[in-house]
Amino acid sequence: AHAYKTERLSGKSLDVISGGASSSLPLLLEGRLPAGINNLRVGEAILQGGVETFRDVPWAELEPDACRLTSDIIEVKLKPSRPIGQSGYDAFGNQPVFPDEGDRLRAIANIGREDVLVEGLTPIARGIRVLGASSDHLLLDVADADPPLAVGDRVAFRMSYGAMLLAMTSEYVEKAPMHDVEDFSGRKMVSISAEPG
């Protein structure tokens, strides 16, 4: 309705009428989009397979892993799983809670909350857990990582839409198309890398 009113008032036709997002894909596929709409903003569906929009995988053809975040490991040490003493508050007003799992192998990666939504990261390799982050470092439990991680290794993550949004807009995160890199299934990948600043 707004597009037609704009065309009528301006006396010009609009070349592009954007009328939806990833959530409009079912209407498109069923032929039920309102007349005149010729553009949809479908970033999440294209970049992540529509999982967050639809809470399931509606179309196998959509790629859930078109973008990945990779980060360098800058420290690996055996540490108590529960800090000694009383936990304080972090820079974001949260008081972290650490369950006592005994001594565990921990790793620190060179990315943090300033660059990515930490809660939206899922390690791709098995045996790695995201424990938390400061503004510029990510704390990982790597005791069960196979193969074991060492300083200088890179760790890769799947990202939620929120994590990808922050990573893509961070000036400290390098965005690099990886046209010559294929994942295990032979699909071409895009890498989003955390580079030390």
N, C-alpha and C. Protein backbone atom coordinates (compact mmCIF):
# COMPACT_ATOMS: atom_id res chain seq x y z
N ALA A 1 0.82 -1.19 0.00
CA ALA A 1 0.00 0.00 0.00
C ALA A 1 0.87 1.26 0.00
N HIS A 2 1.93 1.27 0.81
CA HIS A 2 2.81 2.45 0.86
C HIS A 2 3.54 2.65 -0.46
N ALA A 3 3.94 1.55 -1.10
CA ALA A 3 4.65 1.65 -2.37
C ALA A 3 3.74 2.26 -3.43
N TYR A 4 2.49 1.80 -3.50
CA TYR A 4 1.57 2.33 -4.50
C TYR A 4 1.27 3.80 -4.23
N LYS A 5 1.15 4.18 -2.97
CA LYS A 5 0.90 5.58 -2.62
C LYS A 5 2.09 6.44 -3.01
N THR A 6 3.30 5.94 -2.75
CA THR A 6 4.51 6.68 -3.12
C THR A 6 4.58 6.85 -4.63
N GLU A 7 4.28 5.80 -5.38
CA GLU A 7 4.29 5.89 -6.84
C GLU A 7 3.26 6.90 -7.33
N ARG A 8 2.08 6.87 -6.74
CA ARG A 8 1.01 7.78 -7.15
C ARG A 8 1.37 9.23 -6.85
N LEU A 9 1.91 9.48 -5.65
CA LEU A 9 2.24 10.85 -5.27
C LEU A 9 3.45 11.39 -6.03
N SER A 10 4.42 10.53 -6.34
CA SER A 10 5.64 10.99 -7.02
C SER A 10 5.49 10.98 -8.54
N GLY A 11 4.53 10.22 -9.03
CA GLY A 11 4.36 10.10 -10.47
C GLY A 11 5.41 9.21 -11.12
N LYS A 12 6.17 8.48 -10.30
CA LYS A 12 7.22 7.60 -10.82
C LYS A 12 6.99 6.19 -10.29
N SER A 13 7.38 5.22 -11.11
CA SER A 13 7.25 3.84 -10.64
C SER A 13 8.52 3.45 -9.88
N LEU A 14 8.36 2.61 -8.89
CA LEU A 14 9.48 2.13 -8.09
C LEU A 14 10.03 0.85 -8.71
N ASP A 15 11.35 0.82 -8.90
CA ASP A 15 11.98 -0.38 -9.46
C ASP A 15 12.04 -1.51 -8.45
N VAL A 16 12.25 -1.16 -7.18
CA VAL A 16 12.39 -2.17 -6.13
C VAL A 16 11.36 -1.92 -5.04
N ILE A 17 10.59 -2.95 -4.75
CA ILE A 17 9.65 -2.88 -3.62
C ILE A 17 9.99 -4.05 -2.71
N SER A 18 10.65 -3.71 -1.61
CA SER A 18 11.08 -4.72 -0.65
C SER A 18 9.96 -4.96 0.34
N GLY A 19 9.56 -6.21 0.46
CA GLY A 19 8.39 -6.47 1.28
C GLY A 19 8.53 -7.60 2.27
N GLY A 20 9.74 -7.88 2.70
CA GLY A 20 9.86 -8.96 3.67
C GLY A 20 11.30 -9.37 3.90
N ALA A 21 11.42 -10.38 4.74
CA ALA A 21 12.73 -10.90 5.13
C ALA A 21 12.71 -12.42 4.99
N SER A 22 13.65 -13.08 5.65
CA SER A 22 13.71 -14.55 5.59
C SER A 22 12.38 -15.19 5.96
N SER A 23 11.67 -14.57 6.89
CA SER A 23 10.39 -15.14 7.33
C SER A 23 9.33 -15.10 6.23
N SER A 24 9.58 -14.37 5.15
CA SER A 24 8.62 -14.30 4.03
C SER A 24 8.85 -15.39 2.99
N LEU A 25 9.89 -16.19 3.14
CA LEU A 25 10.17 -17.23 2.14
C LEU A 25 9.02 -18.22 1.95
N PRO A 26 8.33 -18.67 3.01
CA PRO A 26 7.19 -19.56 2.76
C PRO A 26 6.13 -18.92 1.86
N LEU A 27 5.86 -17.63 2.06
CA LEU A 27 4.89 -16.94 1.19
C LEU A 27 5.36 -16.94 -0.26
N LEU A 28 6.65 -16.70 -0.47
CA LEU A 28 7.21 -16.70 -1.82
C LEU A 28 7.06 -18.07 -2.46
N LEU A 29 7.43 -19.11 -1.73
CA LEU A 29 7.37 -20.46 -2.28
C LEU A 29 5.95 -20.93 -2.54
N GLU A 30 5.00 -20.40 -1.76
CA GLU A 30 3.59 -20.77 -1.94
C GLU A 30 2.87 -19.84 -2.91
N GLY A 31 3.59 -18.84 -3.46
CA GLY A 31 2.97 -17.90 -4.39
C GLY A 31 2.00 -16.94 -3.73
N ARG A 32 2.19 -16.66 -2.45
CA ARG A 32 1.24 -15.81 -1.73
C ARG A 32 1.81 -14.44 -1.35
N LEU A 33 2.95 -14.03 -1.93
CA LEU A 33 3.46 -12.69 -1.66
C LEU A 33 2.50 -11.65 -2.23
N PRO A 34 2.29 -10.55 -1.55
CA PRO A 34 1.44 -9.49 -2.10
C PRO A 34 1.98 -9.01 -3.45
N ALA A 35 1.07 -8.64 -4.33
CA ALA A 35 1.44 -8.18 -5.67
C ALA A 35 2.38 -6.99 -5.56
N GLY A 36 3.36 -6.95 -6.46
CA GLY A 36 4.28 -5.82 -6.53
C GLY A 36 5.59 -6.02 -5.79
N ILE A 37 5.60 -6.87 -4.79
CA ILE A 37 6.85 -7.09 -4.04
C ILE A 37 7.82 -7.86 -4.93
N ASN A 38 9.00 -7.27 -5.13
CA ASN A 38 10.00 -7.92 -5.97
C ASN A 38 11.36 -8.03 -5.28
N ASN A 39 11.38 -7.83 -3.96
CA ASN A 39 12.64 -7.91 -3.22
C ASN A 39 12.36 -8.39 -1.80
N LEU A 40 13.15 -9.36 -1.37
CA LEU A 40 13.11 -9.83 0.02
C LEU A 40 14.52 -9.74 0.60
N ARG A 41 14.64 -9.39 1.86
CA ARG A 41 15.92 -9.35 2.55
C ARG A 41 16.06 -10.68 3.30
N VAL A 42 16.81 -11.59 2.73
CA VAL A 42 16.86 -12.96 3.25
C VAL A 42 18.26 -13.35 3.72
N GLY A 43 18.94 -12.45 4.39
CA GLY A 43 20.31 -12.72 4.84
C GLY A 43 20.43 -13.92 5.75
N GLU A 44 19.61 -14.01 6.78
CA GLU A 44 19.72 -15.13 7.72
C GLU A 44 19.48 -16.46 7.03
N ALA A 45 18.49 -16.52 6.15
CA ALA A 45 18.20 -17.78 5.46
C ALA A 45 19.35 -18.17 4.54
N ILE A 46 19.90 -17.21 3.81
CA ILE A 46 20.99 -17.51 2.89
C ILE A 46 22.27 -17.86 3.64
N LEU A 47 22.59 -17.09 4.67
CA LEU A 47 23.86 -17.27 5.38
C LEU A 47 23.82 -18.37 6.43
N GLN A 48 22.62 -18.69 6.94
CA GLN A 48 22.55 -19.66 8.03
C GLN A 48 21.45 -20.70 7.87
N GLY A 49 20.85 -20.77 6.72
CA GLY A 49 19.90 -21.83 6.45
C GLY A 49 18.51 -21.63 7.02
N GLY A 50 18.21 -20.47 7.57
CA GLY A 50 16.88 -20.21 8.09
C GLY A 50 16.59 -20.83 9.44
N VAL A 51 17.60 -21.38 10.09
CA VAL A 51 17.38 -22.08 11.36
C VAL A 51 16.83 -21.14 12.43
N GLU A 52 17.39 -19.92 12.54
CA GLU A 52 16.91 -19.00 13.58
C GLU A 52 15.56 -18.40 13.23
N THR A 53 15.31 -18.18 11.95
CA THR A 53 14.03 -17.61 11.55
C THR A 53 12.90 -18.60 11.76
N PHE A 54 13.13 -19.86 11.40
CA PHE A 54 12.06 -20.84 11.42
C PHE A 54 12.16 -21.85 12.56
N ARG A 55 13.28 -21.83 13.31
CA ARG A 55 13.52 -22.75 14.44
C ARG A 55 13.57 -24.21 14.00
N ASP A 56 13.75 -24.43 12.73
CA ASP A 56 13.99 -25.77 12.21
C ASP A 56 14.72 -25.59 10.88
N VAL A 57 14.95 -26.64 10.17
CA VAL A 57 15.62 -26.54 8.88
C VAL A 57 14.58 -26.79 7.79
N PRO A 58 13.95 -25.72 7.29
CA PRO A 58 12.85 -25.91 6.35
C PRO A 58 13.30 -26.36 4.96
N TRP A 59 14.49 -25.96 4.54
CA TRP A 59 14.94 -26.30 3.20
C TRP A 59 16.37 -26.81 3.27
N ALA A 60 16.59 -28.03 2.87
CA ALA A 60 17.93 -28.62 2.90
C ALA A 60 18.88 -27.86 1.97
N GLU A 61 18.35 -27.16 0.98
CA GLU A 61 19.18 -26.45 0.02
C GLU A 61 19.86 -25.23 0.63
N LEU A 62 19.31 -24.70 1.72
CA LEU A 62 19.91 -23.53 2.34
C LEU A 62 21.10 -23.95 3.19
N GLU A 63 22.18 -23.19 3.11
CA GLU A 63 23.45 -23.54 3.75
C GLU A 63 23.50 -23.01 5.19
N PRO A 64 23.57 -23.89 6.17
CA PRO A 64 23.63 -23.41 7.56
C PRO A 64 25.01 -22.92 7.99
N ASP A 65 26.04 -23.21 7.22
CA ASP A 65 27.41 -22.87 7.62
C ASP A 65 28.14 -22.05 6.56
N ALA A 66 27.49 -21.09 5.95
CA ALA A 66 28.15 -20.29 4.93
C ALA A 66 29.25 -19.42 5.52
N CYS A 67 29.12 -19.04 6.78
CA CYS A 67 30.14 -18.23 7.46
C CYS A 67 30.56 -18.92 8.75
N ARG A 68 31.85 -18.87 9.00
CA ARG A 68 32.38 -19.41 10.26
C ARG A 68 33.33 -18.38 10.85
N LEU A 69 33.43 -18.39 12.14
CA LEU A 69 34.39 -17.54 12.84
C LEU A 69 35.58 -18.40 13.23
N THR A 70 36.78 -17.92 12.93
CA THR A 70 37.98 -18.61 13.39
C THR A 70 38.78 -17.66 14.26
N SER A 71 39.42 -18.21 15.26
CA SER A 71 40.17 -17.40 16.21
C SER A 71 41.43 -18.14 16.62
N ASP A 72 42.47 -17.39 16.94
CA ASP A 72 43.75 -17.98 17.34
C ASP A 72 43.77 -18.30 18.83
N ILE A 73 44.36 -19.43 19.17
CA ILE A 73 44.58 -19.80 20.56
C ILE A 73 45.86 -19.11 21.02
N ILE A 74 45.77 -18.31 22.08
CA ILE A 74 46.94 -17.56 22.56
C ILE A 74 47.47 -18.09 23.90
N GLU A 75 46.72 -19.00 24.52
CA GLU A 75 47.20 -19.62 25.76
C GLU A 75 46.49 -20.95 25.96
N VAL A 76 47.23 -21.95 26.43
CA VAL A 76 46.65 -23.24 26.83
C VAL A 76 47.34 -23.64 28.12
N LYS A 77 46.55 -23.81 29.20
CA LYS A 77 47.11 -24.18 30.50
C LYS A 77 46.12 -25.02 31.29
N LEU A 78 46.67 -25.87 32.15
CA LEU A 78 45.85 -26.62 33.10
C LEU A 78 45.52 -25.68 34.25
N LYS A 79 44.22 -25.50 34.52
CA LYS A 79 43.79 -24.55 35.55
C LYS A 79 42.64 -25.14 36.34
N PRO A 80 42.44 -24.65 37.57
CA PRO A 80 41.26 -25.08 38.33
C PRO A 80 39.99 -24.62 37.59
N SER A 81 39.00 -25.48 37.54
CA SER A 81 37.76 -25.10 36.85
C SER A 81 36.99 -24.03 37.62
N ARG A 82 37.23 -23.97 38.91
CA ARG A 82 36.60 -22.95 39.75
C ARG A 82 37.68 -22.02 40.27
N PRO A 83 37.56 -20.72 39.98
CA PRO A 83 38.59 -19.78 40.43
C PRO A 83 38.75 -19.80 41.96
N ILE A 84 39.96 -19.55 42.40
CA ILE A 84 40.24 -19.49 43.83
C ILE A 84 39.72 -18.16 44.36
N GLY A 85 39.03 -18.19 45.48
CA GLY A 85 38.48 -16.97 46.07
C GLY A 85 37.07 -16.69 45.58
N GLN A 86 36.62 -15.48 45.82
CA GLN A 86 35.25 -15.08 45.47
C GLN A 86 35.22 -14.48 44.07
N SER A 87 34.23 -14.87 43.28
CA SER A 87 34.06 -14.31 41.93
C SER A 87 33.46 -12.93 42.02
N GLY A 88 34.03 -12.01 41.26
CA GLY A 88 33.48 -10.66 41.19
C GLY A 88 32.58 -10.54 39.97
N TYR A 89 32.27 -9.32 39.62
CA TYR A 89 31.43 -9.04 38.46
C TYR A 89 32.31 -8.73 37.26
N ASP A 90 31.85 -9.12 36.07
CA ASP A 90 32.60 -8.79 34.87
C ASP A 90 32.25 -7.39 34.40
N ALA A 91 32.86 -6.97 33.30
CA ALA A 91 32.66 -5.62 32.78
C ALA A 91 31.23 -5.36 32.32
N PHE A 92 30.44 -6.42 32.22
CA PHE A 92 29.08 -6.27 31.72
C PHE A 92 28.04 -6.43 32.83
N GLY A 93 28.52 -6.44 34.10
CA GLY A 93 27.62 -6.51 35.24
C GLY A 93 27.15 -7.89 35.61
N ASN A 94 27.75 -8.92 35.04
CA ASN A 94 27.37 -10.30 35.34
C ASN A 94 28.36 -10.91 36.31
N GLN A 95 27.86 -11.75 37.19
CA GLN A 95 28.74 -12.49 38.09
C GLN A 95 28.82 -13.93 37.60
N PRO A 96 29.95 -14.29 36.99
CA PRO A 96 30.08 -15.65 36.44
C PRO A 96 30.00 -16.71 37.53
N VAL A 97 29.43 -17.85 37.18
CA VAL A 97 29.36 -19.00 38.07
C VAL A 97 30.15 -20.13 37.40
N PHE A 98 31.10 -20.69 38.13
CA PHE A 98 31.94 -21.75 37.60
C PHE A 98 31.76 -23.02 38.41
N PRO A 99 31.20 -24.08 37.82
CA PRO A 99 31.07 -25.35 38.55
C PRO A 99 32.45 -25.95 38.80
N ASP A 100 32.60 -26.65 39.90
CA ASP A 100 33.88 -27.27 40.24
C ASP A 100 33.99 -28.61 39.53
N GLU A 101 34.84 -28.67 38.51
CA GLU A 101 35.10 -29.90 37.75
C GLU A 101 36.54 -30.36 37.93
N GLY A 102 37.20 -29.83 38.96
CA GLY A 102 38.60 -30.15 39.16
C GLY A 102 39.47 -29.37 38.19
N ASP A 103 40.72 -29.77 38.06
CA ASP A 103 41.62 -29.11 37.12
C ASP A 103 41.24 -29.50 35.69
N ARG A 104 41.19 -28.49 34.81
CA ARG A 104 40.81 -28.71 33.41
C ARG A 104 41.78 -27.94 32.52
N LEU A 105 41.96 -28.43 31.32
CA LEU A 105 42.79 -27.73 30.34
C LEU A 105 41.95 -26.61 29.75
N ARG A 106 42.44 -25.39 29.91
CA ARG A 106 41.73 -24.19 29.43
C ARG A 106 42.53 -23.53 28.32
N ALA A 107 41.83 -22.90 27.41
CA ALA A 107 42.48 -22.15 26.33
C ALA A 107 41.86 -20.76 26.28
N ILE A 108 42.68 -19.81 25.87
CA ILE A 108 42.21 -18.45 25.65
C ILE A 108 42.38 -18.15 24.17
N ALA A 109 41.30 -17.65 23.55
CA ALA A 109 41.32 -17.28 22.13
C ALA A 109 41.25 -15.77 22.01
N ASN A 110 41.72 -15.25 20.89
CA ASN A 110 41.86 -13.81 20.71
C ASN A 110 40.61 -13.12 20.15
N ILE A 111 39.48 -13.36 20.77
CA ILE A 111 38.25 -12.65 20.42
C ILE A 111 37.40 -12.58 21.67
N GLY A 112 36.57 -11.54 21.78
CA GLY A 112 35.75 -11.39 22.97
C GLY A 112 34.44 -10.69 22.70
N ARG A 113 33.82 -10.23 23.78
CA ARG A 113 32.48 -9.64 23.71
C ARG A 113 32.42 -8.35 22.90
N GLU A 114 33.54 -7.68 22.76
CA GLU A 114 33.55 -6.46 21.95
C GLU A 114 33.28 -6.77 20.48
N ASP A 115 33.58 -8.00 20.08
CA ASP A 115 33.51 -8.36 18.67
C ASP A 115 32.42 -9.35 18.30
N VAL A 116 31.89 -10.09 19.27
CA VAL A 116 30.98 -11.17 18.93
C VAL A 116 30.06 -11.47 20.11
N LEU A 117 28.87 -11.95 19.83
CA LEU A 117 27.95 -12.41 20.87
C LEU A 117 28.42 -13.81 21.29
N VAL A 118 29.13 -13.86 22.40
CA VAL A 118 29.78 -15.10 22.84
C VAL A 118 28.77 -16.23 23.01
N GLU A 119 27.60 -15.92 23.51
CA GLU A 119 26.57 -16.95 23.71
C GLU A 119 26.09 -17.55 22.39
N GLY A 120 26.40 -16.90 21.28
CA GLY A 120 26.00 -17.38 19.97
C GLY A 120 27.07 -18.18 19.25
N LEU A 121 28.14 -18.55 19.95
CA LEU A 121 29.23 -19.32 19.34
C LEU A 121 29.10 -20.80 19.69
N THR A 122 29.25 -21.65 18.71
CA THR A 122 29.27 -23.10 18.91
C THR A 122 30.55 -23.65 18.27
N PRO A 123 31.46 -24.19 19.07
CA PRO A 123 32.69 -24.74 18.49
C PRO A 123 32.37 -25.86 17.50
N ILE A 124 33.08 -25.87 16.38
CA ILE A 124 32.85 -26.90 15.37
C ILE A 124 33.53 -28.21 15.78
N ALA A 125 34.74 -28.12 16.30
CA ALA A 125 35.46 -29.32 16.73
C ALA A 125 34.83 -29.88 18.01
N ARG A 126 34.81 -31.18 18.12
CA ARG A 126 34.25 -31.82 19.32
C ARG A 126 35.20 -31.65 20.50
N GLY A 127 34.61 -31.64 21.68
CA GLY A 127 35.41 -31.60 22.89
C GLY A 127 35.83 -30.21 23.32
N ILE A 128 35.28 -29.17 22.69
CA ILE A 128 35.59 -27.79 23.06
C ILE A 128 34.32 -27.15 23.58
N ARG A 129 34.42 -26.46 24.72
CA ARG A 129 33.27 -25.75 25.28
C ARG A 129 33.62 -24.28 25.49
N VAL A 130 32.69 -23.39 25.14
CA VAL A 130 32.84 -21.97 25.43
C VAL A 130 32.40 -21.76 26.87
N LEU A 131 33.29 -21.17 27.67
CA LEU A 131 32.98 -20.94 29.08
C LEU A 131 32.59 -19.51 29.38
N GLY A 132 33.11 -18.57 28.63
CA GLY A 132 32.82 -17.17 28.87
C GLY A 132 33.82 -16.30 28.14
N ALA A 133 33.76 -15.00 28.41
CA ALA A 133 34.65 -14.08 27.70
C ALA A 133 34.78 -12.77 28.44
N SER A 134 35.90 -12.12 28.21
CA SER A 134 36.07 -10.72 28.60
C SER A 134 35.79 -9.91 27.34
N SER A 135 36.09 -8.63 27.36
CA SER A 135 35.84 -7.82 26.17
C SER A 135 36.68 -8.26 24.98
N ASP A 136 37.88 -8.80 25.23
CA ASP A 136 38.75 -9.14 24.11
C ASP A 136 39.33 -10.55 24.12
N HIS A 137 38.89 -11.41 25.04
CA HIS A 137 39.37 -12.79 25.08
C HIS A 137 38.22 -13.76 25.34
N LEU A 138 38.35 -14.95 24.75
CA LEU A 138 37.35 -16.00 24.88
C LEU A 138 37.96 -17.16 25.66
N LEU A 139 37.27 -17.60 26.71
CA LEU A 139 37.75 -18.70 27.54
C LEU A 139 37.08 -20.00 27.10
N LEU A 140 37.91 -21.01 26.83
CA LEU A 140 37.43 -22.29 26.34
C LEU A 140 37.91 -23.42 27.24
N ASP A 141 37.07 -24.44 27.40
CA ASP A 141 37.52 -25.69 28.02
C ASP A 141 37.90 -26.59 26.86
N VAL A 142 39.17 -27.02 26.85
CA VAL A 142 39.67 -27.84 25.73
C VAL A 142 40.22 -29.18 26.23
N ALA A 143 39.85 -29.57 27.45
CA ALA A 143 40.37 -30.81 28.03
C ALA A 143 40.01 -32.03 27.18
N ASP A 144 38.87 -31.98 26.51
CA ASP A 144 38.41 -33.13 25.72
C ASP A 144 38.57 -32.92 24.22
N ALA A 145 39.30 -31.86 23.83
CA ALA A 145 39.48 -31.56 22.40
C ALA A 145 40.29 -32.66 21.73
N ASP A 146 39.84 -33.05 20.55
CA ASP A 146 40.54 -34.07 19.79
C ASP A 146 40.62 -33.63 18.33
N PRO A 147 41.81 -33.28 17.85
CA PRO A 147 43.11 -33.39 18.50
C PRO A 147 43.30 -32.29 19.53
N PRO A 148 44.27 -32.48 20.44
CA PRO A 148 44.54 -31.46 21.46
C PRO A 148 44.95 -30.13 20.82
N LEU A 149 44.59 -29.03 21.48
CA LEU A 149 44.94 -27.70 20.96
C LEU A 149 46.22 -27.19 21.60
N ALA A 150 46.95 -26.37 20.84
CA ALA A 150 48.18 -25.76 21.32
C ALA A 150 48.16 -24.28 20.95
N VAL A 151 49.01 -23.50 21.60
CA VAL A 151 49.13 -22.08 21.27
C VAL A 151 49.46 -21.95 19.78
N GLY A 152 48.76 -21.05 19.11
CA GLY A 152 48.96 -20.84 17.68
C GLY A 152 47.95 -21.57 16.81
N ASP A 153 47.26 -22.56 17.37
CA ASP A 153 46.21 -23.25 16.61
C ASP A 153 45.03 -22.31 16.42
N ARG A 154 44.22 -22.63 15.43
CA ARG A 154 42.99 -21.87 15.20
C ARG A 154 41.82 -22.75 15.57
N VAL A 155 40.81 -22.12 16.16
CA VAL A 155 39.58 -22.84 16.51
C VAL A 155 38.43 -22.18 15.75
N ALA A 156 37.53 -22.99 15.21
CA ALA A 156 36.44 -22.49 14.38
C ALA A 156 35.10 -22.64 15.11
N PHE A 157 34.19 -21.71 14.83
CA PHE A 157 32.88 -21.67 15.48
C PHE A 157 31.79 -21.46 14.45
N ARG A 158 30.64 -22.08 14.68
CA ARG A 158 29.41 -21.69 14.02
C ARG A 158 28.88 -20.50 14.80
N MET A 159 28.16 -19.62 14.12
CA MET A 159 27.65 -18.41 14.78
C MET A 159 26.15 -18.32 14.66
N SER A 160 25.52 -17.87 15.74
CA SER A 160 24.11 -17.49 15.65
C SER A 160 24.04 -16.22 14.80
N TYR A 161 22.84 -15.82 14.44
CA TYR A 161 22.70 -14.59 13.65
C TYR A 161 23.24 -13.39 14.42
N GLY A 162 22.95 -13.33 15.72
CA GLY A 162 23.45 -12.22 16.54
C GLY A 162 24.96 -12.19 16.61
N ALA A 163 25.58 -13.36 16.75
CA ALA A 163 27.04 -13.43 16.78
C ALA A 163 27.62 -12.99 15.44
N MET A 164 27.00 -13.44 14.34
CA MET A 164 27.49 -13.07 13.02
C MET A 164 27.32 -11.57 12.78
N LEU A 165 26.21 -11.01 13.21
CA LEU A 165 25.97 -9.58 13.05
C LEU A 165 27.07 -8.77 13.73
N LEU A 166 27.40 -9.11 14.97
CA LEU A 166 28.45 -8.37 15.68
C LEU A 166 29.81 -8.59 15.04
N ALA A 167 30.12 -9.82 14.65
CA ALA A 167 31.42 -10.10 14.02
C ALA A 167 31.56 -9.34 12.70
N MET A 168 30.49 -9.30 11.92
CA MET A 168 30.56 -8.64 10.61
C MET A 168 30.67 -7.12 10.74
N THR A 169 30.19 -6.55 11.83
CA THR A 169 30.26 -5.10 11.99
C THR A 169 31.44 -4.65 12.84
N SER A 170 32.19 -5.58 13.41
CA SER A 170 33.36 -5.23 14.22
C SER A 170 34.53 -4.83 13.32
N GLU A 171 35.13 -3.69 13.61
CA GLU A 171 36.29 -3.27 12.83
C GLU A 171 37.52 -4.10 13.15
N TYR A 172 37.48 -4.88 14.23
CA TYR A 172 38.63 -5.68 14.64
C TYR A 172 38.58 -7.12 14.13
N VAL A 173 37.54 -7.48 13.43
CA VAL A 173 37.40 -8.83 12.90
C VAL A 173 37.59 -8.78 11.39
N GLU A 174 38.58 -9.51 10.90
CA GLU A 174 38.85 -9.56 9.46
C GLU A 174 37.81 -10.45 8.78
N LYS A 175 37.26 -9.96 7.69
CA LYS A 175 36.30 -10.73 6.91
C LYS A 175 37.00 -11.16 5.62
N ALA A 176 37.10 -12.45 5.38
CA ALA A 176 37.84 -12.93 4.22
C ALA A 176 37.08 -14.04 3.52
N PRO A 177 36.70 -13.82 2.23
CA PRO A 177 36.08 -14.91 1.48
C PRO A 177 37.11 -16.01 1.27
N MET A 178 36.68 -17.23 1.44
CA MET A 178 37.58 -18.37 1.30
C MET A 178 37.12 -19.20 0.10
N HIS A 179 37.21 -18.63 -1.08
CA HIS A 179 36.71 -19.29 -2.29
C HIS A 179 37.44 -20.59 -2.59
N ASP A 180 38.68 -20.70 -2.13
CA ASP A 180 39.46 -21.88 -2.44
C ASP A 180 39.45 -22.92 -1.33
N VAL A 181 38.63 -22.70 -0.30
CA VAL A 181 38.57 -23.62 0.83
C VAL A 181 37.23 -24.34 0.80
N GLU A 182 37.28 -25.64 0.98
CA GLU A 182 36.06 -26.43 1.02
C GLU A 182 35.94 -27.11 2.37
N ASP A 183 34.73 -27.29 2.84
CA ASP A 183 34.53 -28.01 4.10
C ASP A 183 34.46 -29.51 3.79
N PHE A 184 34.12 -30.29 4.79
CA PHE A 184 34.12 -31.75 4.65
C PHE A 184 33.20 -32.26 3.55
N SER A 185 32.18 -31.50 3.20
CA SER A 185 31.23 -31.98 2.19
C SER A 185 31.55 -31.45 0.79
N GLY A 186 32.62 -30.65 0.68
CA GLY A 186 33.00 -30.11 -0.62
C GLY A 186 32.40 -28.75 -0.92
N ARG A 187 31.65 -28.16 0.02
CA ARG A 187 31.03 -26.87 -0.21
C ARG A 187 32.06 -25.75 0.02
N LYS A 188 31.93 -24.68 -0.73
CA LYS A 188 32.81 -23.52 -0.56
C LYS A 188 32.40 -22.77 0.71
N MET A 189 33.38 -22.19 1.38
CA MET A 189 33.14 -21.56 2.68
C MET A 189 33.56 -20.09 2.66
N VAL A 190 33.04 -19.31 3.61
CA VAL A 190 33.49 -17.96 3.90
C VAL A 190 34.00 -17.99 5.33
N SER A 191 35.16 -17.41 5.55
CA SER A 191 35.75 -17.40 6.89
C SER A 191 35.68 -16.00 7.46
N ILE A 192 35.34 -15.88 8.72
CA ILE A 192 35.39 -14.61 9.43
C ILE A 192 36.45 -14.82 10.50
N SER A 193 37.55 -14.08 10.43
CA SER A 193 38.69 -14.36 11.30
C SER A 193 38.89 -13.27 12.33
N ALA A 194 39.23 -13.68 13.53
CA ALA A 194 39.61 -12.74 14.57
C ALA A 194 41.11 -12.55 14.48
N GLU A 195 41.55 -11.37 14.15
CA GLU A 195 42.97 -11.09 14.03
C GLU A 195 43.41 -10.21 15.20
N PRO A 196 44.58 -10.51 15.80
CA PRO A 196 45.04 -9.68 16.90
C PRO A 196 45.22 -8.24 16.45
N GLY A 197 44.78 -7.28 17.28
CA GLY A 197 44.83 -5.87 16.90
C GLY A 197 46.01 -5.14 17.45
